[in-house]
Amino acid sequence: MTDRELLELAAKAAGYKKYISHYLGRSSFVTCEKEVYSEVKERNVIAEFTMDWNPLTDDGDALRLAVKLEMEITIGCHSVIAGNDYRNKWQEVLGDDPYAATRRAITRAAAEIGKAMK
């Protein structure tokens, strides 16, 4: 599975409406809904907005994704496992960059959740 496919499925699992990748995958965006105050309507409305989002490269995005999907993360001597149940767990070897491995394990587990969604 390519990184783009992983991110698309992870975005789906997280409940984001649309995933777009630009600049050969270096920047990634999702469309979200947010409640904002509208001066025109003089009340709170649900509006769409776009935000930078790439849990493969951003620690904060990965952590928010793990929390949103209620993941359990186990870090051992040589590997990290992330997931929210036995069907949606993913293991990555820690290697030279344990932070990247942890972000990838979270994103892969989220992609498995997204893949299982109808």
N, C-alpha and C. Protein backbone atom coordinates (compact mmCIF):
# COMPACT_ATOMS: atom_id res chain seq x y z
N MET A 1 0.84 -1.17 0.00
CA MET A 1 0.00 0.00 0.00
C MET A 1 0.90 1.24 0.00
N THR A 2 0.58 2.19 -0.84
CA THR A 2 1.38 3.43 -0.90
C THR A 2 1.05 4.33 0.29
N ASP A 3 1.93 5.30 0.54
CA ASP A 3 1.67 6.25 1.62
C ASP A 3 0.37 7.01 1.37
N ARG A 4 0.12 7.38 0.14
CA ARG A 4 -1.12 8.10 -0.18
C ARG A 4 -2.33 7.25 0.15
N GLU A 5 -2.31 5.96 -0.23
CA GLU A 5 -3.43 5.07 0.09
C GLU A 5 -3.60 4.93 1.61
N LEU A 6 -2.47 4.81 2.32
CA LEU A 6 -2.54 4.74 3.78
C LEU A 6 -3.23 5.97 4.36
N LEU A 7 -2.81 7.14 3.88
CA LEU A 7 -3.36 8.39 4.39
C LEU A 7 -4.83 8.55 4.04
N GLU A 8 -5.22 8.15 2.84
CA GLU A 8 -6.63 8.23 2.44
C GLU A 8 -7.49 7.36 3.35
N LEU A 9 -7.06 6.13 3.61
CA LEU A 9 -7.83 5.23 4.46
C LEU A 9 -7.82 5.69 5.92
N ALA A 10 -6.69 6.20 6.39
CA ALA A 10 -6.61 6.73 7.75
C ALA A 10 -7.53 7.94 7.91
N ALA A 11 -7.57 8.81 6.90
CA ALA A 11 -8.47 9.97 6.94
C ALA A 11 -9.92 9.51 6.99
N LYS A 12 -10.24 8.49 6.23
CA LYS A 12 -11.60 7.93 6.25
C LYS A 12 -11.93 7.42 7.65
N ALA A 13 -11.02 6.69 8.26
CA ALA A 13 -11.25 6.16 9.61
C ALA A 13 -11.44 7.29 10.62
N ALA A 14 -10.72 8.39 10.43
CA ALA A 14 -10.80 9.52 11.34
C ALA A 14 -12.06 10.36 11.12
N GLY A 15 -12.79 10.07 10.06
CA GLY A 15 -14.03 10.80 9.79
C GLY A 15 -13.85 12.04 8.95
N TYR A 16 -12.69 12.22 8.33
CA TYR A 16 -12.48 13.36 7.46
C TYR A 16 -13.15 13.10 6.12
N LYS A 17 -13.63 14.16 5.51
CA LYS A 17 -14.43 14.03 4.30
C LYS A 17 -13.61 13.78 3.04
N LYS A 18 -12.48 14.41 2.95
CA LYS A 18 -11.71 14.31 1.71
C LYS A 18 -10.23 14.42 2.04
N TYR A 19 -9.44 13.65 1.31
CA TYR A 19 -8.00 13.70 1.50
C TYR A 19 -7.37 14.11 0.18
N ILE A 20 -6.46 15.07 0.21
CA ILE A 20 -5.78 15.54 -1.00
C ILE A 20 -4.28 15.59 -0.71
N SER A 21 -3.49 15.11 -1.64
CA SER A 21 -2.04 15.17 -1.48
C SER A 21 -1.46 16.04 -2.59
N HIS A 22 -0.54 16.91 -2.20
CA HIS A 22 0.09 17.82 -3.16
C HIS A 22 1.61 17.70 -3.08
N TYR A 23 2.27 18.24 -4.04
CA TYR A 23 3.73 18.33 -4.07
C TYR A 23 4.38 16.96 -3.86
N LEU A 24 3.96 16.00 -4.65
CA LEU A 24 4.53 14.65 -4.64
C LEU A 24 4.46 14.01 -3.25
N GLY A 25 3.38 14.28 -2.53
CA GLY A 25 3.16 13.64 -1.25
C GLY A 25 3.78 14.33 -0.06
N ARG A 26 4.47 15.44 -0.29
CA ARG A 26 5.12 16.11 0.83
C ARG A 26 4.14 16.92 1.67
N SER A 27 3.05 17.36 1.09
CA SER A 27 2.03 18.08 1.84
C SER A 27 0.72 17.35 1.69
N SER A 28 -0.03 17.24 2.76
CA SER A 28 -1.29 16.52 2.73
C SER A 28 -2.36 17.35 3.42
N PHE A 29 -3.57 17.28 2.91
CA PHE A 29 -4.65 18.09 3.43
C PHE A 29 -5.90 17.24 3.58
N VAL A 30 -6.72 17.58 4.56
CA VAL A 30 -8.03 16.95 4.70
C VAL A 30 -9.08 18.04 4.83
N THR A 31 -10.28 17.72 4.41
CA THR A 31 -11.42 18.61 4.58
C THR A 31 -12.19 18.14 5.80
N CYS A 32 -12.48 19.07 6.69
CA CYS A 32 -13.15 18.76 7.95
C CYS A 32 -14.38 19.65 8.10
N GLU A 33 -15.20 19.30 9.07
CA GLU A 33 -16.30 20.17 9.44
C GLU A 33 -16.01 20.76 10.80
N LYS A 34 -16.39 22.01 10.98
CA LYS A 34 -16.14 22.69 12.25
C LYS A 34 -17.30 23.65 12.51
N GLU A 35 -17.69 23.75 13.77
CA GLU A 35 -18.75 24.69 14.12
C GLU A 35 -18.12 26.06 14.34
N VAL A 36 -18.62 27.04 13.59
CA VAL A 36 -18.09 28.41 13.70
C VAL A 36 -19.27 29.40 13.78
N TYR A 37 -18.97 30.57 14.31
CA TYR A 37 -20.00 31.60 14.40
C TYR A 37 -20.09 32.36 13.07
N SER A 38 -21.28 32.47 12.55
CA SER A 38 -21.49 33.21 11.31
C SER A 38 -22.15 34.55 11.63
N GLU A 39 -21.45 35.63 11.30
CA GLU A 39 -22.03 36.96 11.53
C GLU A 39 -23.21 37.20 10.59
N VAL A 40 -23.17 36.57 9.42
CA VAL A 40 -24.26 36.74 8.46
C VAL A 40 -25.54 36.10 9.00
N LYS A 41 -25.40 34.87 9.54
CA LYS A 41 -26.57 34.16 10.06
C LYS A 41 -26.80 34.41 11.55
N GLU A 42 -25.85 35.09 12.19
CA GLU A 42 -25.92 35.42 13.61
C GLU A 42 -26.15 34.19 14.48
N ARG A 43 -25.48 33.12 14.13
CA ARG A 43 -25.55 31.88 14.92
C ARG A 43 -24.39 30.97 14.52
N ASN A 44 -24.19 29.93 15.29
CA ASN A 44 -23.16 28.95 14.96
C ASN A 44 -23.64 28.07 13.81
N VAL A 45 -22.75 27.82 12.89
CA VAL A 45 -23.07 26.95 11.74
C VAL A 45 -21.92 25.96 11.57
N ILE A 46 -22.22 24.88 10.89
CA ILE A 46 -21.19 23.91 10.54
C ILE A 46 -20.58 24.34 9.21
N ALA A 47 -19.28 24.55 9.21
CA ALA A 47 -18.58 24.99 8.00
C ALA A 47 -17.48 23.99 7.66
N GLU A 48 -17.14 23.92 6.40
CA GLU A 48 -16.03 23.08 5.96
C GLU A 48 -14.76 23.91 5.94
N PHE A 49 -13.66 23.28 6.31
CA PHE A 49 -12.37 23.95 6.20
C PHE A 49 -11.32 22.88 5.88
N THR A 50 -10.21 23.33 5.40
CA THR A 50 -9.12 22.42 5.03
C THR A 50 -7.95 22.65 5.98
N MET A 51 -7.33 21.56 6.40
CA MET A 51 -6.17 21.68 7.29
C MET A 51 -5.06 20.76 6.82
N ASP A 52 -3.82 21.16 7.12
CA ASP A 52 -2.68 20.29 6.87
C ASP A 52 -2.84 19.07 7.75
N TRP A 53 -2.59 17.89 7.21
CA TRP A 53 -2.74 16.66 7.99
C TRP A 53 -1.88 15.57 7.38
N ASN A 54 -0.92 15.08 8.12
CA ASN A 54 -0.12 13.95 7.67
C ASN A 54 0.46 13.24 8.89
N PRO A 55 -0.25 12.22 9.40
CA PRO A 55 0.23 11.50 10.58
C PRO A 55 1.48 10.66 10.32
N LEU A 56 1.88 10.50 9.07
CA LEU A 56 3.13 9.79 8.77
C LEU A 56 4.35 10.65 9.07
N THR A 57 4.16 11.98 9.04
CA THR A 57 5.30 12.87 9.24
C THR A 57 5.15 13.80 10.44
N ASP A 58 3.96 13.91 10.99
CA ASP A 58 3.70 14.85 12.07
C ASP A 58 3.30 14.11 13.35
N ASP A 59 4.10 14.26 14.41
CA ASP A 59 3.82 13.57 15.67
C ASP A 59 2.45 13.94 16.23
N GLY A 60 2.09 15.21 16.17
CA GLY A 60 0.81 15.66 16.70
C GLY A 60 -0.37 15.06 15.97
N ASP A 61 -0.29 15.02 14.63
CA ASP A 61 -1.36 14.41 13.84
C ASP A 61 -1.50 12.94 14.17
N ALA A 62 -0.36 12.26 14.34
CA ALA A 62 -0.40 10.83 14.66
C ALA A 62 -1.02 10.60 16.03
N LEU A 63 -0.64 11.42 17.01
CA LEU A 63 -1.20 11.26 18.36
C LEU A 63 -2.70 11.54 18.37
N ARG A 64 -3.13 12.61 17.70
CA ARG A 64 -4.56 12.92 17.63
C ARG A 64 -5.33 11.80 16.95
N LEU A 65 -4.75 11.21 15.90
CA LEU A 65 -5.38 10.09 15.21
C LEU A 65 -5.52 8.89 16.15
N ALA A 66 -4.47 8.59 16.90
CA ALA A 66 -4.50 7.46 17.84
C ALA A 66 -5.56 7.68 18.92
N VAL A 67 -5.65 8.90 19.44
CA VAL A 67 -6.64 9.20 20.48
C VAL A 67 -8.05 9.12 19.91
N LYS A 68 -8.24 9.70 18.72
CA LYS A 68 -9.57 9.71 18.10
C LYS A 68 -10.09 8.30 17.86
N LEU A 69 -9.19 7.39 17.50
CA LEU A 69 -9.58 6.01 17.20
C LEU A 69 -9.41 5.09 18.41
N GLU A 70 -9.12 5.68 19.57
CA GLU A 70 -8.98 4.95 20.83
C GLU A 70 -7.99 3.79 20.71
N MET A 71 -6.81 4.12 20.19
CA MET A 71 -5.77 3.11 19.99
C MET A 71 -4.97 2.86 21.24
N GLU A 72 -4.48 1.66 21.32
CA GLU A 72 -3.52 1.27 22.34
C GLU A 72 -2.17 1.16 21.63
N ILE A 73 -1.14 1.75 22.21
CA ILE A 73 0.18 1.73 21.59
C ILE A 73 1.15 1.07 22.56
N THR A 74 1.84 0.04 22.07
CA THR A 74 2.82 -0.67 22.88
C THR A 74 4.17 -0.55 22.21
N ILE A 75 5.14 -0.01 22.95
CA ILE A 75 6.49 0.15 22.40
C ILE A 75 7.41 -0.80 23.15
N GLY A 76 8.04 -1.69 22.39
CA GLY A 76 8.97 -2.65 22.96
C GLY A 76 10.40 -2.30 22.61
N CYS A 77 11.30 -3.25 22.82
CA CYS A 77 12.72 -3.02 22.52
C CYS A 77 12.98 -2.87 21.03
N HIS A 78 12.24 -3.63 20.21
CA HIS A 78 12.54 -3.66 18.78
C HIS A 78 11.37 -3.27 17.89
N SER A 79 10.17 -3.15 18.46
CA SER A 79 9.02 -2.85 17.62
C SER A 79 7.96 -2.06 18.38
N VAL A 80 7.03 -1.51 17.63
CA VAL A 80 5.89 -0.80 18.18
C VAL A 80 4.63 -1.41 17.58
N ILE A 81 3.60 -1.55 18.41
CA ILE A 81 2.31 -2.08 17.95
C ILE A 81 1.26 -1.04 18.28
N ALA A 82 0.41 -0.73 17.29
CA ALA A 82 -0.69 0.22 17.49
C ALA A 82 -1.96 -0.40 16.97
N GLY A 83 -3.06 -0.12 17.62
CA GLY A 83 -4.35 -0.60 17.16
C GLY A 83 -5.42 -0.43 18.22
N ASN A 84 -6.68 -0.72 17.82
CA ASN A 84 -7.76 -0.58 18.78
C ASN A 84 -8.48 -1.90 19.08
N ASP A 85 -8.15 -2.96 18.39
CA ASP A 85 -8.60 -4.30 18.74
C ASP A 85 -7.75 -5.31 17.99
N TYR A 86 -8.00 -6.56 18.17
CA TYR A 86 -7.13 -7.58 17.57
C TYR A 86 -7.14 -7.57 16.05
N ARG A 87 -8.18 -7.09 15.41
CA ARG A 87 -8.25 -7.06 13.95
C ARG A 87 -7.53 -5.87 13.35
N ASN A 88 -7.40 -4.82 14.11
CA ASN A 88 -6.86 -3.57 13.59
C ASN A 88 -5.56 -3.17 14.25
N LYS A 89 -4.67 -4.13 14.44
CA LYS A 89 -3.36 -3.82 15.03
C LYS A 89 -2.31 -3.85 13.92
N TRP A 90 -1.31 -3.05 14.11
CA TRP A 90 -0.21 -3.03 13.15
C TRP A 90 1.11 -2.93 13.90
N GLN A 91 2.09 -3.72 13.47
CA GLN A 91 3.40 -3.73 14.11
C GLN A 91 4.44 -3.20 13.14
N GLU A 92 5.32 -2.36 13.64
CA GLU A 92 6.44 -1.82 12.87
C GLU A 92 7.72 -2.02 13.66
N VAL A 93 8.80 -2.33 12.96
CA VAL A 93 10.13 -2.43 13.58
C VAL A 93 10.60 -1.02 13.87
N LEU A 94 11.17 -0.81 15.06
CA LEU A 94 11.60 0.54 15.45
C LEU A 94 12.72 1.07 14.57
N GLY A 95 13.73 0.28 14.27
CA GLY A 95 14.81 0.72 13.39
C GLY A 95 15.54 1.95 13.90
N ASP A 96 16.01 2.77 12.95
CA ASP A 96 16.81 3.95 13.30
C ASP A 96 15.97 5.11 13.82
N ASP A 97 14.69 5.15 13.46
CA ASP A 97 13.84 6.27 13.86
C ASP A 97 12.57 5.74 14.54
N PRO A 98 12.61 5.57 15.86
CA PRO A 98 11.45 5.01 16.55
C PRO A 98 10.21 5.90 16.45
N TYR A 99 10.40 7.20 16.29
CA TYR A 99 9.25 8.10 16.16
C TYR A 99 8.53 7.88 14.83
N ALA A 100 9.29 7.74 13.75
CA ALA A 100 8.70 7.47 12.44
C ALA A 100 8.00 6.12 12.44
N ALA A 101 8.60 5.12 13.09
CA ALA A 101 7.99 3.80 13.17
C ALA A 101 6.67 3.86 13.94
N THR A 102 6.63 4.64 15.00
CA THR A 102 5.40 4.78 15.79
C THR A 102 4.32 5.49 14.99
N ARG A 103 4.68 6.56 14.28
CA ARG A 103 3.71 7.26 13.44
C ARG A 103 3.17 6.33 12.36
N ARG A 104 4.05 5.54 11.76
CA ARG A 104 3.62 4.61 10.70
C ARG A 104 2.72 3.52 11.26
N ALA A 105 3.03 2.99 12.43
CA ALA A 105 2.18 1.96 13.04
C ALA A 105 0.78 2.51 13.31
N ILE A 106 0.70 3.73 13.81
CA ILE A 106 -0.60 4.36 14.07
C ILE A 106 -1.36 4.55 12.76
N THR A 107 -0.68 5.06 11.74
CA THR A 107 -1.34 5.32 10.46
C THR A 107 -1.76 4.02 9.80
N ARG A 108 -0.93 2.98 9.87
CA ARG A 108 -1.29 1.67 9.28
C ARG A 108 -2.50 1.07 9.99
N ALA A 109 -2.52 1.16 11.32
CA ALA A 109 -3.68 0.64 12.07
C ALA A 109 -4.94 1.42 11.70
N ALA A 110 -4.82 2.74 11.58
CA ALA A 110 -5.97 3.56 11.17
C ALA A 110 -6.43 3.20 9.76
N ALA A 111 -5.48 2.93 8.87
CA ALA A 111 -5.83 2.52 7.51
C ALA A 111 -6.59 1.20 7.51
N GLU A 112 -6.22 0.28 8.37
CA GLU A 112 -6.95 -0.99 8.48
C GLU A 112 -8.39 -0.74 8.94
N ILE A 113 -8.55 0.20 9.87
CA ILE A 113 -9.89 0.57 10.32
C ILE A 113 -10.68 1.19 9.17
N GLY A 114 -10.03 2.10 8.43
CA GLY A 114 -10.67 2.72 7.28
C GLY A 114 -11.03 1.73 6.20
N LYS A 115 -10.18 0.76 5.98
CA LYS A 115 -10.43 -0.28 4.97
C LYS A 115 -11.67 -1.10 5.32
N ALA A 116 -11.87 -1.34 6.62
CA ALA A 116 -12.98 -2.17 7.08
C ALA A 116 -14.31 -1.41 7.06
N MET A 117 -14.26 -0.07 6.93
CA MET A 117 -15.49 0.72 6.90
C MET A 117 -16.17 0.60 5.55
N LYS A 118 -17.46 0.62 5.54
CA LYS A 118 -18.22 0.51 4.28
C LYS A 118 -18.25 1.83 3.55
